[in-house]
Amino acid sequence: MRVVLDTKFLLSALINPHGVPADLIVAWREQRFALVTSIEQLVELGDVARRPVLRARIVPARELLKVLGIPQAPTSWRPKRKK
């Protein structure tokens, strides 16, 4: 099954890691459905998440990963550069 989540819904998961939106993120991580998105939506998500009124409410990424039970990459991890 493929699912498209509204940007507002994704932001809600970042604000409240214990709500229904966060539960859907967990279901996606458990591969119960395929999340469908676009570059435009990801840009919108980043733009809206940077707004001062929301930045203060968004759960820090490390805390969100911990609450959702998603393993974290080591802090020294860096993506490999193409040669």
Protein backbone atom coordinates (compact mmCIF):
# COMPACT_ATOMS: atom_id res chain seq x y z
CA MET A 1 0.00 0.00 0.00
CA ARG A 2 1.26 3.50 -0.83
CA VAL A 3 0.40 6.46 1.39
CA VAL A 4 0.77 10.21 0.89
CA LEU A 5 0.92 12.17 4.15
CA ASP A 6 0.15 15.88 4.21
CA THR A 7 3.01 18.17 5.27
CA LYS A 8 0.96 19.36 8.26
CA PHE A 9 0.60 15.74 9.36
CA LEU A 10 4.37 15.14 9.09
CA LEU A 11 5.06 18.30 11.11
CA SER A 12 2.64 17.07 13.75
CA ALA A 13 4.74 13.91 14.13
CA LEU A 14 7.80 16.11 14.74
CA ILE A 15 5.97 18.16 17.36
CA ASN A 16 4.33 15.31 19.25
CA PRO A 17 6.16 11.96 19.12
CA HIS A 18 3.32 10.29 21.04
CA GLY A 19 0.40 11.10 18.75
CA VAL A 20 -1.30 9.36 15.84
CA PRO A 21 0.98 11.01 13.22
CA ALA A 22 4.04 9.63 15.02
CA ASP A 23 2.37 6.20 15.12
CA LEU A 24 2.06 6.33 11.34
CA ILE A 25 5.75 7.20 11.02
CA VAL A 26 6.53 4.10 13.12
CA ALA A 27 4.27 2.00 10.85
CA TRP A 28 6.15 3.35 7.82
CA ARG A 29 9.51 2.52 9.43
CA GLU A 30 8.19 -1.01 10.04
CA GLN A 31 7.46 -1.16 6.28
CA ARG A 32 3.71 -1.58 6.73
CA PHE A 33 3.24 0.87 3.84
CA ALA A 34 5.30 2.86 1.34
CA LEU A 35 5.47 6.58 2.01
CA VAL A 36 5.05 8.63 -1.16
CA THR A 37 6.46 12.16 -1.25
CA SER A 38 8.03 14.64 -3.63
CA ILE A 39 10.91 17.08 -3.71
CA GLU A 40 8.38 19.90 -3.43
CA GLN A 41 6.88 18.44 -0.27
CA LEU A 42 10.30 17.89 1.32
CA VAL A 43 11.27 21.49 0.53
CA GLU A 44 7.98 22.70 2.03
CA LEU A 45 8.54 20.56 5.13
CA GLY A 46 12.02 22.03 5.61
CA ASP A 47 10.84 25.59 5.04
CA VAL A 48 7.93 25.32 7.46
CA ALA A 49 9.97 23.47 10.11
CA ARG A 50 12.49 26.33 10.14
CA ARG A 51 9.88 28.93 11.07
CA PRO A 52 10.67 30.33 14.53
CA VAL A 53 7.20 29.57 15.87
CA LEU A 54 7.63 25.88 15.03
CA ARG A 55 11.35 25.45 15.73
CA ALA A 56 10.69 25.87 19.43
CA ARG A 57 8.04 23.11 19.36
CA ILE A 58 9.70 20.50 17.15
CA VAL A 59 11.21 17.60 19.04
CA PRO A 60 14.99 17.44 18.47
CA ALA A 61 15.84 14.76 15.92
CA ARG A 62 17.76 12.56 18.37
CA GLU A 63 14.90 12.59 20.87
CA LEU A 64 12.35 11.84 18.14
CA LEU A 65 14.40 8.88 16.89
CA LYS A 66 14.68 7.57 20.45
CA VAL A 67 10.95 7.87 21.12
CA LEU A 68 10.06 6.26 17.79
CA GLY A 69 12.54 3.43 18.40
CA ILE A 70 14.60 4.21 15.31
CA PRO A 71 18.32 3.38 15.62
CA GLN A 72 20.59 6.38 15.30
CA ALA A 73 23.59 6.64 13.04
CA PRO A 74 26.85 7.09 14.95
CA THR A 75 27.73 10.76 15.36
CA SER A 76 30.94 10.24 13.40
CA TRP A 77 29.03 8.83 10.41
CA ARG A 78 29.25 10.84 7.21
CA PRO A 79 27.90 9.93 3.78
CA LYS A 80 30.59 8.87 1.32
CA ARG A 81 31.49 11.45 -1.26
CA LYS A 82 31.40 10.53 -4.91
CA LYS A 83 34.84 10.54 -6.51
